[in-house]
């Protein structure tokens, strides 16, 4: 594993204000009431305060533990929870109470389940749709091991945006995502694009040790796979046990990456240090109407 960056503190542009206002507490209380999980908490997202205070959250379904152990991720691996039959309805109730017009649903990876949890994703989507509200839904899914039937189960439930993160450049997959496969993830995105009727989205972290000349190829691969929404953000190591931060990118470098991605043909690119997969997702997907 590469040597940790020799920097005592994060750059100023990565420092965020801690929020704990009334709206934040309301969202947290609602999550607790319905026994829900959010990627905001489990992944220790730096934007949690801002999002909770604005009344939004990214729902994390199928429990707080993952069947994989990626070197960048703060979500725990370990004993896997049984699926909660009440979770789809509880997520839908939370969406209704929060008054969301755009809901983002993600999950841990559940390689232990025959369909990887695709059916549970579909049930959550349908439960939100059953509210009868005009709620747009974005799902951020694992790769389901590339299983065609599992992917079709999610596609058939008709999310407005299908998101699957590439995360990093292919050279770093053995270090960063040892249980994943770059080409398989591209194929997941390609299948979503071929199915049609959905925005296709992906995300990339930077600062893991990638090289500047590796970005254009990744962006071209994404375009070839049908990606039309892309998020790019700074990797922040959750602990000393995780993959080290090799570089902190300047805001101007994120602007440059956005231009490179747009020049490659990706229509909607959100690139900034604190950008995460679901950060301002409704804003980015505003072209959906």
Protein backbone atom coordinates (compact mmCIF):
# COMPACT_ATOMS: atom_id res chain seq x y z
CA UNK A 1 0.00 0.00 0.00
CA UNK A 2 1.34 3.48 -0.84
CA UNK A 3 2.84 5.64 1.90
CA UNK A 4 0.45 8.02 3.62
CA UNK A 5 0.61 11.63 2.50
CA UNK A 6 2.88 13.72 4.72
CA UNK A 7 0.34 16.34 5.74
CA UNK A 8 -0.74 17.06 9.31
CA UNK A 9 -4.12 18.55 8.58
CA UNK A 10 -6.61 18.74 5.76
CA UNK A 11 -6.50 21.75 3.46
CA UNK A 12 -8.87 24.58 4.33
CA UNK A 13 -11.20 23.75 1.45
CA UNK A 14 -11.93 20.36 3.04
CA UNK A 15 -12.95 21.74 6.42
CA UNK A 16 -16.70 21.80 7.01
CA UNK A 17 -18.85 23.44 9.64
CA UNK A 18 -20.55 21.06 12.05
CA UNK A 19 -24.32 21.45 11.93
CA UNK A 20 -26.72 20.50 14.70
CA UNK A 21 -29.75 22.71 14.16
CA UNK A 22 -33.40 21.81 14.67
CA UNK A 23 -33.85 20.37 11.18
CA UNK A 24 -30.76 18.18 11.61
CA UNK A 25 -32.19 16.79 14.84
CA UNK A 26 -35.59 16.18 13.22
CA UNK A 27 -34.02 14.11 10.44
CA UNK A 28 -31.92 12.15 12.92
CA UNK A 29 -34.98 11.48 15.08
CA UNK A 30 -36.95 10.26 12.08
CA UNK A 31 -34.18 7.89 11.05
CA UNK A 32 -34.07 6.45 14.56
CA UNK A 33 -37.85 6.15 14.78
CA UNK A 34 -38.10 4.01 11.66
CA UNK A 35 -34.95 2.00 12.39
CA UNK A 36 -33.29 3.24 9.21
CA UNK A 37 -29.68 3.64 8.20
CA UNK A 38 -28.09 6.35 6.08
CA UNK A 39 -24.86 6.28 4.15
CA UNK A 40 -24.38 9.75 5.61
CA UNK A 41 -23.66 8.21 9.01
CA UNK A 42 -22.23 4.80 8.10
CA UNK A 43 -19.73 6.23 5.61
CA UNK A 44 -18.99 9.26 7.81
CA UNK A 45 -19.83 11.67 5.01
CA UNK A 46 -18.42 15.19 5.51
CA UNK A 47 -21.65 16.70 4.15
CA UNK A 48 -23.93 15.02 6.70
CA UNK A 49 -24.60 18.21 8.64
CA UNK A 50 -25.49 20.21 5.55
CA UNK A 51 -27.76 17.52 4.13
CA UNK A 52 -29.57 16.71 7.37
CA UNK A 53 -30.07 20.42 8.06
CA UNK A 54 -31.69 20.80 4.65
CA UNK A 55 -33.99 17.84 5.34
CA UNK A 56 -32.34 15.26 3.09
CA UNK A 57 -30.51 11.99 3.60
CA UNK A 58 -29.34 9.06 1.49
CA UNK A 59 -31.04 5.91 2.70
CA UNK A 60 -28.79 2.88 3.21
CA UNK A 61 -30.81 -0.33 2.91
CA UNK A 62 -30.11 -3.97 3.80
CA UNK A 63 -28.29 -3.23 7.03
CA UNK A 64 -25.17 -1.34 8.11
CA UNK A 65 -22.61 -4.08 7.38
CA UNK A 66 -21.16 -5.09 4.03
CA UNK A 67 -20.13 -8.44 2.56
CA UNK A 68 -17.05 -6.81 1.01
CA UNK A 69 -14.19 -4.93 2.63
CA UNK A 70 -13.01 -2.20 0.27
CA UNK A 71 -9.89 -0.34 1.37
CA UNK A 72 -11.48 3.10 1.05
CA UNK A 73 -14.85 2.57 2.73
CA UNK A 74 -15.91 3.34 6.31
CA UNK A 75 -18.88 0.96 6.21
CA UNK A 76 -18.18 -2.05 8.42
CA UNK A 77 -17.85 -5.60 7.24
CA UNK A 78 -18.87 -8.48 9.48
CA UNK A 79 -22.09 -10.22 10.51
CA UNK A 80 -24.77 -9.51 7.91
CA UNK A 81 -28.29 -8.60 8.94
CA UNK A 82 -31.40 -10.39 7.77
CA UNK A 83 -33.47 -8.30 5.39
CA UNK A 84 -36.11 -6.24 7.15
CA UNK A 85 -39.48 -6.74 5.46
CA UNK A 86 -40.68 -3.45 6.93
CA UNK A 87 -37.76 -1.45 5.56
CA UNK A 88 -39.30 -0.56 2.16
CA UNK A 89 -42.40 0.87 3.85
CA UNK A 90 -40.33 2.66 6.47
CA UNK A 91 -38.13 4.30 3.84
CA UNK A 92 -41.27 5.40 1.99
CA UNK A 93 -42.74 6.89 5.18
CA UNK A 94 -39.53 8.79 5.83
CA UNK A 95 -39.58 10.16 2.28
CA UNK A 96 -43.18 11.28 2.80
CA UNK A 97 -42.59 12.90 6.20
CA UNK A 98 -39.49 14.71 4.97
CA UNK A 99 -41.46 15.97 1.99
CA UNK A 100 -38.79 14.85 -0.45
CA UNK A 101 -39.30 15.27 -4.16
CA UNK A 102 -36.04 13.45 -4.87
CA UNK A 103 -35.04 10.35 -2.91
CA UNK A 104 -31.66 8.61 -3.06
CA UNK A 105 -31.41 4.97 -2.00
CA UNK A 106 -28.17 3.02 -1.75
CA UNK A 107 -27.07 -0.16 -0.03
CA UNK A 108 -24.22 -2.18 1.31
CA UNK A 109 -23.04 -4.97 -0.97
CA UNK A 110 -24.79 -8.23 -0.14
CA UNK A 111 -23.00 -10.99 -2.01
CA UNK A 112 -24.55 -13.45 0.48
CA UNK A 113 -28.01 -12.99 -1.03
CA UNK A 114 -28.99 -14.97 -4.17
CA UNK A 115 -29.96 -11.79 -6.04
CA UNK A 116 -27.51 -9.50 -4.24
CA UNK A 117 -30.47 -7.62 -2.78
CA UNK A 118 -31.89 -6.52 -6.13
CA UNK A 119 -35.40 -7.56 -5.13
CA UNK A 120 -35.17 -5.48 -1.97
CA UNK A 121 -34.11 -2.44 -4.01
CA UNK A 122 -37.15 -2.98 -6.22
CA UNK A 123 -39.47 -3.22 -3.20
CA UNK A 124 -38.13 0.05 -1.81
CA UNK A 125 -38.61 1.81 -5.16
CA UNK A 126 -42.18 0.51 -5.45
CA UNK A 127 -43.00 1.48 -1.85
CA UNK A 128 -41.92 5.06 -2.56
CA UNK A 129 -43.91 5.07 -5.81
CA UNK A 130 -46.98 3.80 -3.91
CA UNK A 131 -47.06 7.07 -1.97
CA UNK A 132 -48.66 8.61 -5.01
CA UNK A 133 -46.33 11.58 -4.72
CA UNK A 134 -44.27 12.91 -7.61
CA UNK A 135 -41.00 11.68 -6.11
CA UNK A 136 -38.05 11.05 -8.37
CA UNK A 137 -35.84 8.16 -7.24
CA UNK A 138 -32.13 7.62 -7.65
CA UNK A 139 -30.56 4.30 -6.72
CA UNK A 140 -26.87 3.76 -6.10
CA UNK A 141 -26.32 0.03 -6.34
CA UNK A 142 -23.52 -2.51 -5.98
CA UNK A 143 -22.52 -4.52 -9.04
CA UNK A 144 -24.67 -7.58 -8.16
CA UNK A 145 -21.68 -9.57 -9.47
CA UNK A 146 -22.85 -8.55 -12.92
CA UNK A 147 -25.92 -10.80 -12.68
CA UNK A 148 -28.26 -9.97 -15.58
CA UNK A 149 -31.46 -11.03 -13.81
CA UNK A 150 -30.64 -9.05 -10.68
CA UNK A 151 -29.94 -5.90 -12.69
CA UNK A 152 -33.16 -6.32 -14.66
CA UNK A 153 -35.08 -6.58 -11.39
CA UNK A 154 -33.86 -3.11 -10.42
CA UNK A 155 -34.32 -1.67 -13.91
CA UNK A 156 -37.90 -3.00 -14.11
CA UNK A 157 -38.75 -1.08 -10.92
CA UNK A 158 -38.08 2.08 -12.96
CA UNK A 159 -35.79 4.34 -10.93
CA UNK A 160 -35.30 7.74 -12.52
CA UNK A 161 -31.51 7.54 -12.15
CA UNK A 162 -29.40 4.40 -11.91
CA UNK A 163 -26.03 5.02 -10.26
CA UNK A 164 -23.12 2.62 -9.92
CA UNK A 165 -19.74 3.98 -8.94
CA UNK A 166 -16.54 3.17 -10.81
CA UNK A 167 -14.74 4.69 -7.78
CA UNK A 168 -11.15 4.66 -9.11
CA UNK A 169 -8.91 3.95 -12.08
CA UNK A 170 -8.54 0.30 -13.17
CA UNK A 171 -4.88 0.05 -12.10
CA UNK A 172 -5.85 0.65 -8.46
CA UNK A 173 -8.68 -1.89 -8.25
CA UNK A 174 -6.54 -4.66 -6.68
CA UNK A 175 -5.61 -2.28 -3.84
CA UNK A 176 -8.81 -0.30 -3.47
CA UNK A 177 -11.64 -2.60 -4.63
CA UNK A 178 -10.21 -6.15 -4.52
CA UNK A 179 -13.61 -7.86 -4.75
CA UNK A 180 -14.78 -5.67 -7.65
CA UNK A 181 -13.86 -5.58 -11.32
CA UNK A 182 -13.51 -2.45 -13.43
CA UNK A 183 -14.86 -4.00 -16.63
CA UNK A 184 -17.76 -5.58 -14.75
CA UNK A 185 -18.71 -2.21 -13.29
CA UNK A 186 -18.61 -0.64 -16.75
CA UNK A 187 -20.84 -3.44 -18.00
CA UNK A 188 -23.36 -2.74 -15.21
CA UNK A 189 -23.58 0.86 -16.38
CA UNK A 190 -23.80 -0.20 -20.02
CA UNK A 191 -26.71 -2.53 -19.25
CA UNK A 192 -28.54 0.31 -17.53
CA UNK A 193 -28.01 2.56 -20.55
CA UNK A 194 -29.14 -0.18 -22.93
CA UNK A 195 -32.29 -0.78 -20.88
CA UNK A 196 -33.24 2.87 -21.33
CA UNK A 197 -35.62 5.18 -19.52
CA UNK A 198 -33.16 6.12 -16.77
CA UNK A 199 -30.37 8.58 -16.26
CA UNK A 200 -27.09 6.67 -15.90
CA UNK A 201 -24.66 7.95 -13.29
CA UNK A 202 -21.29 7.06 -11.83
CA UNK A 203 -18.78 8.45 -9.37
CA UNK A 204 -15.02 8.73 -9.03
CA UNK A 205 -12.79 9.40 -6.02
CA UNK A 206 -9.44 11.10 -6.47
CA UNK A 207 -6.41 11.14 -4.23
CA UNK A 208 -5.88 7.38 -4.07
CA UNK A 209 -2.73 7.35 -6.18
CA UNK A 210 -4.16 7.67 -9.68
CA UNK A 211 -2.09 9.37 -12.38
CA UNK A 212 -3.22 12.36 -14.39
CA UNK A 213 -2.95 10.49 -17.69
CA UNK A 214 -5.36 7.80 -16.44
CA UNK A 215 -8.40 10.07 -16.21
CA UNK A 216 -9.15 10.54 -19.93
CA UNK A 217 -9.37 6.79 -20.54
CA UNK A 218 -11.75 6.31 -17.60
CA UNK A 219 -13.95 9.15 -18.82
CA UNK A 220 -14.00 7.71 -22.35
CA UNK A 221 -14.93 4.30 -20.93
CA UNK A 222 -17.79 5.89 -19.01
CA UNK A 223 -19.07 7.63 -22.13
CA UNK A 224 -18.89 4.36 -24.04
CA UNK A 225 -20.91 2.74 -21.24
CA UNK A 226 -23.62 5.39 -21.51
CA UNK A 227 -22.89 7.49 -18.41
CA UNK A 228 -24.47 10.93 -18.57
CA UNK A 229 -24.05 12.00 -14.92
CA UNK A 230 -20.71 11.96 -13.08
CA UNK A 231 -19.56 12.98 -9.61
CA UNK A 232 -15.89 13.53 -8.77
CA UNK A 233 -14.74 14.14 -5.20
CA UNK A 234 -11.72 14.00 -2.91
CA UNK A 235 -11.00 10.70 -1.17
CA UNK A 236 -10.68 11.10 2.61
CA UNK A 237 -9.26 8.14 4.51
CA UNK A 238 -11.70 7.16 7.29
CA UNK A 239 -8.88 5.86 9.51
CA UNK A 240 -5.23 4.87 9.54
CA UNK A 241 -6.31 1.31 8.68
CA UNK A 242 -7.79 2.42 5.36
CA UNK A 243 -6.05 3.19 2.09
CA UNK A 244 -3.96 6.35 2.56
CA UNK A 245 -4.63 9.68 0.93
CA UNK A 246 -1.86 10.12 -1.63
CA UNK A 247 -2.84 13.59 -2.78
CA UNK A 248 -5.22 16.40 -1.87
CA UNK A 249 -6.47 17.99 -5.07
CA UNK A 250 -6.89 21.77 -5.28
CA UNK A 251 -10.35 23.13 -6.23
CA UNK A 252 -8.86 24.33 -9.52
CA UNK A 253 -7.81 20.75 -10.29
CA UNK A 254 -11.40 19.61 -9.81
CA UNK A 255 -12.47 22.27 -12.31
CA UNK A 256 -9.92 20.89 -14.75
CA UNK A 257 -11.20 17.32 -14.25
CA UNK A 258 -14.73 18.54 -14.96
CA UNK A 259 -13.58 20.06 -18.25
CA UNK A 260 -11.76 16.86 -19.23
CA UNK A 261 -14.84 14.76 -18.45
CA UNK A 262 -17.13 17.12 -20.35
CA UNK A 263 -14.77 17.14 -23.31
CA UNK A 264 -14.90 13.34 -23.28
CA UNK A 265 -18.67 13.57 -23.68
CA UNK A 266 -20.22 13.31 -20.20
CA UNK A 267 -23.11 15.75 -20.17
CA UNK A 268 -23.47 16.52 -16.45
CA UNK A 269 -20.34 16.60 -14.28
CA UNK A 270 -20.28 17.66 -10.62
CA UNK A 271 -16.62 17.96 -9.58
CA UNK A 272 -15.42 19.53 -6.32
CA UNK A 273 -13.49 18.45 -3.21
CA UNK A 274 -16.51 17.59 -1.05
CA UNK A 275 -18.69 16.14 -3.79
CA UNK A 276 -20.02 12.67 -3.02
CA UNK A 277 -22.20 10.32 -5.07
CA UNK A 278 -25.51 11.66 -3.78
CA UNK A 279 -24.46 15.20 -2.82
CA UNK A 280 -26.92 17.65 -4.39
CA UNK A 281 -28.21 14.73 -6.47
CA UNK A 282 -31.51 16.43 -7.21
CA UNK A 283 -29.69 19.53 -8.43
CA UNK A 284 -27.46 17.50 -10.75
CA UNK A 285 -30.42 15.54 -12.12
CA UNK A 286 -32.48 18.68 -12.63
CA UNK A 287 -32.53 18.08 -16.36
CA UNK A 288 -34.84 15.13 -15.74
CA UNK A 289 -37.63 17.65 -15.38
